[in-house]
């Protein structure tokens, strides 16, 4: 099972003039396109051969088009069968390496 979990920093979201639903909308559209279920509010899961690919590609896609996206979260994790990765930290590392 592959799960992508979004935990918002409500103050940052509010200060930026956004809503949590607005920020989840791109993921919800992606989920609908690829058969990913929103199992709880802000928690998206998929099982099967293509699960990691279709869930994980949202992370690279959204940060490539809007790097500010990661600033609205307290926690944003990708969980692959119990092994969790911090999407915020990994995205920042990737962009730091790319900038060199």
N, C-alpha and C. Protein backbone atom coordinates (compact mmCIF):
# COMPACT_ATOMS: atom_id res chain seq x y z
N UNK A 1 0.86 -1.18 0.00
CA UNK A 1 0.00 0.00 0.00
C UNK A 1 0.90 1.24 0.00
N UNK A 2 0.56 2.19 -0.83
CA UNK A 2 1.28 3.46 -0.90
C UNK A 2 0.31 4.56 -0.45
N UNK A 3 0.77 5.37 0.50
CA UNK A 3 -0.09 6.42 1.05
C UNK A 3 0.65 7.75 1.08
N UNK A 4 -0.03 8.78 0.66
CA UNK A 4 0.49 10.15 0.71
C UNK A 4 -0.39 10.92 1.68
N UNK A 5 0.23 11.47 2.73
CA UNK A 5 -0.52 12.14 3.79
C UNK A 5 -0.12 13.61 3.88
N UNK A 6 -1.11 14.47 3.93
CA UNK A 6 -0.93 15.91 4.03
C UNK A 6 -1.43 16.39 5.40
N UNK A 7 -0.57 17.03 6.18
CA UNK A 7 -0.96 17.63 7.46
C UNK A 7 -0.61 19.11 7.35
N UNK A 8 -1.64 19.93 7.34
CA UNK A 8 -1.47 21.36 7.10
C UNK A 8 -1.07 22.14 8.34
N UNK A 9 -0.34 23.21 8.12
CA UNK A 9 -0.09 24.22 9.13
C UNK A 9 -1.19 25.25 8.91
N UNK A 10 -2.22 25.20 9.73
CA UNK A 10 -3.41 26.02 9.53
C UNK A 10 -3.09 27.52 9.50
N UNK A 11 -2.16 27.96 10.34
CA UNK A 11 -1.80 29.38 10.35
C UNK A 11 -1.17 29.81 9.03
N UNK A 12 -0.24 29.01 8.50
CA UNK A 12 0.40 29.35 7.23
C UNK A 12 -0.59 29.36 6.09
N UNK A 13 -1.48 28.39 6.08
CA UNK A 13 -2.50 28.31 5.03
C UNK A 13 -3.38 29.55 5.07
N UNK A 14 -3.84 29.89 6.27
CA UNK A 14 -4.72 31.05 6.45
C UNK A 14 -4.00 32.35 6.09
N UNK A 15 -2.76 32.53 6.55
CA UNK A 15 -1.99 33.75 6.27
C UNK A 15 -1.75 33.93 4.77
N UNK A 16 -1.63 32.82 4.05
CA UNK A 16 -1.40 32.89 2.61
C UNK A 16 -2.70 33.11 1.84
N UNK A 17 -3.83 33.11 2.56
CA UNK A 17 -5.11 33.34 1.90
C UNK A 17 -5.66 32.12 1.18
N UNK A 18 -5.25 30.95 1.61
CA UNK A 18 -5.71 29.70 1.00
C UNK A 18 -6.61 28.94 1.98
N UNK A 19 -7.20 27.86 1.48
CA UNK A 19 -7.91 26.91 2.33
C UNK A 19 -7.27 25.54 2.11
N UNK A 20 -7.45 24.66 3.06
CA UNK A 20 -6.92 23.31 2.93
C UNK A 20 -7.53 22.61 1.72
N UNK A 21 -8.83 22.78 1.52
CA UNK A 21 -9.49 22.14 0.38
C UNK A 21 -8.92 22.64 -0.94
N UNK A 22 -8.63 23.92 -1.01
CA UNK A 22 -8.04 24.50 -2.22
C UNK A 22 -6.67 23.85 -2.49
N UNK A 23 -5.88 23.67 -1.45
CA UNK A 23 -4.56 23.07 -1.61
C UNK A 23 -4.62 21.58 -1.89
N UNK A 24 -5.67 20.91 -1.45
CA UNK A 24 -5.84 19.48 -1.73
C UNK A 24 -6.45 19.24 -3.12
N UNK A 25 -7.06 20.23 -3.70
CA UNK A 25 -7.76 20.04 -4.97
C UNK A 25 -6.87 19.45 -6.08
N UNK A 26 -5.62 19.93 -6.25
CA UNK A 26 -4.80 19.30 -7.29
C UNK A 26 -4.56 17.81 -7.03
N UNK A 27 -4.38 17.43 -5.77
CA UNK A 27 -4.19 16.02 -5.45
C UNK A 27 -5.49 15.25 -5.69
N UNK A 28 -6.59 15.84 -5.36
CA UNK A 28 -7.88 15.16 -5.58
C UNK A 28 -8.11 14.92 -7.07
N UNK A 29 -7.75 15.87 -7.90
CA UNK A 29 -7.88 15.70 -9.35
C UNK A 29 -6.94 14.61 -9.85
N UNK A 30 -5.72 14.62 -9.33
CA UNK A 30 -4.75 13.58 -9.67
C UNK A 30 -5.26 12.21 -9.22
N UNK A 31 -5.80 12.15 -8.01
CA UNK A 31 -6.32 10.90 -7.46
C UNK A 31 -7.44 10.34 -8.32
N UNK A 32 -8.34 11.20 -8.74
CA UNK A 32 -9.46 10.75 -9.56
C UNK A 32 -8.96 10.18 -10.89
N UNK A 33 -7.96 10.82 -11.45
CA UNK A 33 -7.42 10.40 -12.74
C UNK A 33 -6.74 9.03 -12.66
N UNK A 34 -6.12 8.72 -11.50
CA UNK A 34 -5.32 7.50 -11.38
C UNK A 34 -5.89 6.46 -10.42
N UNK A 35 -7.12 6.61 -10.00
CA UNK A 35 -7.75 5.61 -9.14
C UNK A 35 -7.18 5.54 -7.74
N UNK A 36 -6.77 6.69 -7.22
CA UNK A 36 -6.24 6.78 -5.86
C UNK A 36 -7.39 7.19 -4.95
N UNK A 37 -7.52 6.53 -3.80
CA UNK A 37 -8.63 6.81 -2.88
C UNK A 37 -8.19 7.80 -1.80
N UNK A 38 -9.08 8.75 -1.49
CA UNK A 38 -8.86 9.61 -0.31
C UNK A 38 -9.53 8.88 0.85
N UNK A 39 -8.72 8.17 1.62
CA UNK A 39 -9.24 7.29 2.66
C UNK A 39 -9.62 8.04 3.93
N UNK A 40 -8.99 9.17 4.16
CA UNK A 40 -9.32 10.11 5.23
C UNK A 40 -9.03 11.48 4.66
N UNK A 41 -9.43 12.52 5.38
CA UNK A 41 -9.18 13.87 4.91
C UNK A 41 -7.67 14.09 4.77
N UNK A 42 -7.21 14.34 3.55
CA UNK A 42 -5.80 14.59 3.30
C UNK A 42 -4.92 13.36 3.26
N UNK A 43 -5.53 12.17 3.21
CA UNK A 43 -4.78 10.91 3.16
C UNK A 43 -5.22 10.16 1.90
N UNK A 44 -4.25 9.92 1.01
CA UNK A 44 -4.54 9.31 -0.29
C UNK A 44 -3.78 8.00 -0.40
N UNK A 45 -4.48 6.92 -0.77
CA UNK A 45 -3.87 5.60 -0.79
C UNK A 45 -4.21 4.84 -2.06
N UNK A 46 -3.27 3.99 -2.44
CA UNK A 46 -3.47 3.10 -3.58
C UNK A 46 -2.63 1.85 -3.36
N UNK A 47 -3.14 0.74 -3.81
CA UNK A 47 -2.44 -0.53 -3.75
C UNK A 47 -2.25 -1.03 -5.17
N UNK A 48 -1.28 -1.87 -5.37
CA UNK A 48 -1.08 -2.46 -6.69
C UNK A 48 0.25 -2.10 -7.30
N UNK A 49 0.48 -2.69 -8.48
CA UNK A 49 1.74 -2.55 -9.18
C UNK A 49 2.15 -1.12 -9.48
N UNK A 50 1.21 -0.30 -9.86
CA UNK A 50 1.53 1.07 -10.26
C UNK A 50 1.36 2.10 -9.14
N UNK A 51 1.10 1.65 -7.93
CA UNK A 51 0.76 2.55 -6.83
C UNK A 51 1.85 3.57 -6.54
N UNK A 52 3.09 3.13 -6.41
CA UNK A 52 4.17 4.07 -6.09
C UNK A 52 4.34 5.10 -7.20
N UNK A 53 4.27 4.66 -8.41
CA UNK A 53 4.44 5.57 -9.54
C UNK A 53 3.34 6.63 -9.56
N UNK A 54 2.09 6.23 -9.52
CA UNK A 54 1.01 7.20 -9.69
C UNK A 54 0.80 8.08 -8.47
N UNK A 55 1.08 7.55 -7.28
CA UNK A 55 0.96 8.39 -6.07
C UNK A 55 2.17 9.32 -5.99
N UNK A 56 3.37 8.77 -6.17
CA UNK A 56 4.58 9.55 -6.03
C UNK A 56 4.77 10.63 -7.07
N UNK A 57 4.24 10.42 -8.28
CA UNK A 57 4.44 11.44 -9.32
C UNK A 57 3.74 12.75 -8.99
N UNK A 58 2.77 12.72 -8.09
CA UNK A 58 2.13 13.98 -7.68
C UNK A 58 3.14 14.87 -6.96
N UNK A 59 3.98 14.27 -6.12
CA UNK A 59 4.96 15.04 -5.34
C UNK A 59 5.87 15.83 -6.27
N UNK A 60 6.46 15.16 -7.24
CA UNK A 60 7.37 15.87 -8.15
C UNK A 60 6.62 16.85 -9.03
N UNK A 61 5.45 16.48 -9.47
CA UNK A 61 4.67 17.36 -10.34
C UNK A 61 4.27 18.66 -9.67
N UNK A 62 3.74 18.59 -8.46
CA UNK A 62 3.26 19.80 -7.79
C UNK A 62 4.41 20.68 -7.34
N UNK A 63 5.51 20.09 -6.88
CA UNK A 63 6.63 20.92 -6.43
C UNK A 63 7.38 21.53 -7.61
N UNK A 64 7.37 20.86 -8.74
CA UNK A 64 8.00 21.43 -9.93
C UNK A 64 7.22 22.65 -10.41
N UNK A 65 5.91 22.60 -10.31
CA UNK A 65 5.10 23.72 -10.78
C UNK A 65 4.87 24.78 -9.70
N UNK A 66 5.01 24.40 -8.41
CA UNK A 66 4.75 25.34 -7.32
C UNK A 66 5.55 24.94 -6.09
N UNK A 67 6.81 25.35 -6.02
CA UNK A 67 7.68 24.98 -4.90
C UNK A 67 7.13 25.49 -3.57
N UNK A 68 6.40 26.58 -3.59
CA UNK A 68 5.81 27.15 -2.37
C UNK A 68 4.83 26.18 -1.71
N UNK A 69 4.33 25.23 -2.46
CA UNK A 69 3.36 24.26 -1.96
C UNK A 69 3.81 23.60 -0.66
N UNK A 70 5.09 23.27 -0.55
CA UNK A 70 5.58 22.57 0.65
C UNK A 70 5.55 23.44 1.90
N UNK A 71 5.47 24.74 1.73
CA UNK A 71 5.49 25.64 2.89
C UNK A 71 4.19 25.62 3.69
N UNK A 72 3.14 25.01 3.17
CA UNK A 72 1.84 25.00 3.83
C UNK A 72 1.63 23.80 4.75
N UNK A 73 2.63 22.94 4.86
CA UNK A 73 2.47 21.70 5.61
C UNK A 73 3.33 21.65 6.86
N UNK A 74 2.79 21.01 7.90
CA UNK A 74 3.59 20.62 9.06
C UNK A 74 4.23 19.28 8.75
N UNK A 75 3.52 18.47 7.99
CA UNK A 75 3.98 17.13 7.66
C UNK A 75 3.39 16.73 6.31
N UNK A 76 4.25 16.14 5.49
CA UNK A 76 3.80 15.63 4.19
C UNK A 76 4.61 14.38 3.94
N UNK A 77 3.99 13.22 4.07
CA UNK A 77 4.74 11.97 4.01
C UNK A 77 4.24 11.04 2.92
N UNK A 78 5.19 10.29 2.39
CA UNK A 78 4.90 9.21 1.46
C UNK A 78 5.24 7.93 2.20
N UNK A 79 4.28 7.05 2.35
CA UNK A 79 4.46 5.80 3.07
C UNK A 79 4.30 4.64 2.08
N UNK A 80 5.37 3.86 1.95
CA UNK A 80 5.34 2.70 1.07
C UNK A 80 5.50 1.46 1.95
N UNK A 81 4.39 0.78 2.16
CA UNK A 81 4.39 -0.44 2.99
C UNK A 81 5.08 -0.24 4.33
N UNK A 82 4.81 0.89 4.99
CA UNK A 82 5.35 1.15 6.33
C UNK A 82 6.66 1.92 6.36
N UNK A 83 7.30 2.09 5.21
CA UNK A 83 8.54 2.88 5.15
C UNK A 83 8.16 4.29 4.74
N UNK A 84 8.38 5.24 5.66
CA UNK A 84 7.93 6.62 5.43
C UNK A 84 9.06 7.52 4.97
N UNK A 85 8.70 8.42 4.06
CA UNK A 85 9.64 9.41 3.56
C UNK A 85 9.02 10.79 3.76
N UNK A 86 9.82 11.71 4.26
CA UNK A 86 9.39 13.08 4.49
C UNK A 86 9.47 13.84 3.16
N UNK A 87 8.35 14.09 2.54
CA UNK A 87 8.32 14.74 1.23
C UNK A 87 8.85 16.17 1.29
N UNK A 88 8.65 16.84 2.39
CA UNK A 88 9.15 18.21 2.54
C UNK A 88 10.68 18.20 2.52
N UNK A 89 11.28 17.38 3.37
CA UNK A 89 12.74 17.32 3.46
C UNK A 89 13.35 16.84 2.15
N UNK A 90 12.77 15.82 1.55
CA UNK A 90 13.31 15.27 0.30
C UNK A 90 13.20 16.28 -0.84
N UNK A 91 12.11 17.01 -0.90
CA UNK A 91 11.95 18.03 -1.94
C UNK A 91 12.98 19.13 -1.77
N UNK A 92 13.17 19.58 -0.55
CA UNK A 92 14.18 20.62 -0.30
C UNK A 92 15.57 20.13 -0.67
N UNK A 93 15.91 18.88 -0.30
CA UNK A 93 17.22 18.32 -0.65
C UNK A 93 17.41 18.26 -2.15
N UNK A 94 16.38 17.83 -2.85
CA UNK A 94 16.46 17.70 -4.30
C UNK A 94 16.72 19.06 -4.93
N UNK A 95 16.01 20.08 -4.50
CA UNK A 95 16.21 21.41 -5.08
C UNK A 95 17.55 22.02 -4.69
N UNK A 96 18.06 21.70 -3.50
CA UNK A 96 19.39 22.17 -3.11
C UNK A 96 20.47 21.55 -4.00
N UNK A 97 20.35 20.26 -4.28
CA UNK A 97 21.31 19.58 -5.15
C UNK A 97 21.22 20.14 -6.57
N UNK A 98 20.01 20.38 -7.02
CA UNK A 98 19.80 20.91 -8.37
C UNK A 98 20.40 22.32 -8.52
N UNK A 99 20.38 23.10 -7.46
CA UNK A 99 20.88 24.48 -7.50
C UNK A 99 22.39 24.55 -7.58
N UNK A 100 23.07 23.48 -7.23
CA UNK A 100 24.55 23.49 -7.20
C UNK A 100 25.14 23.42 -8.58
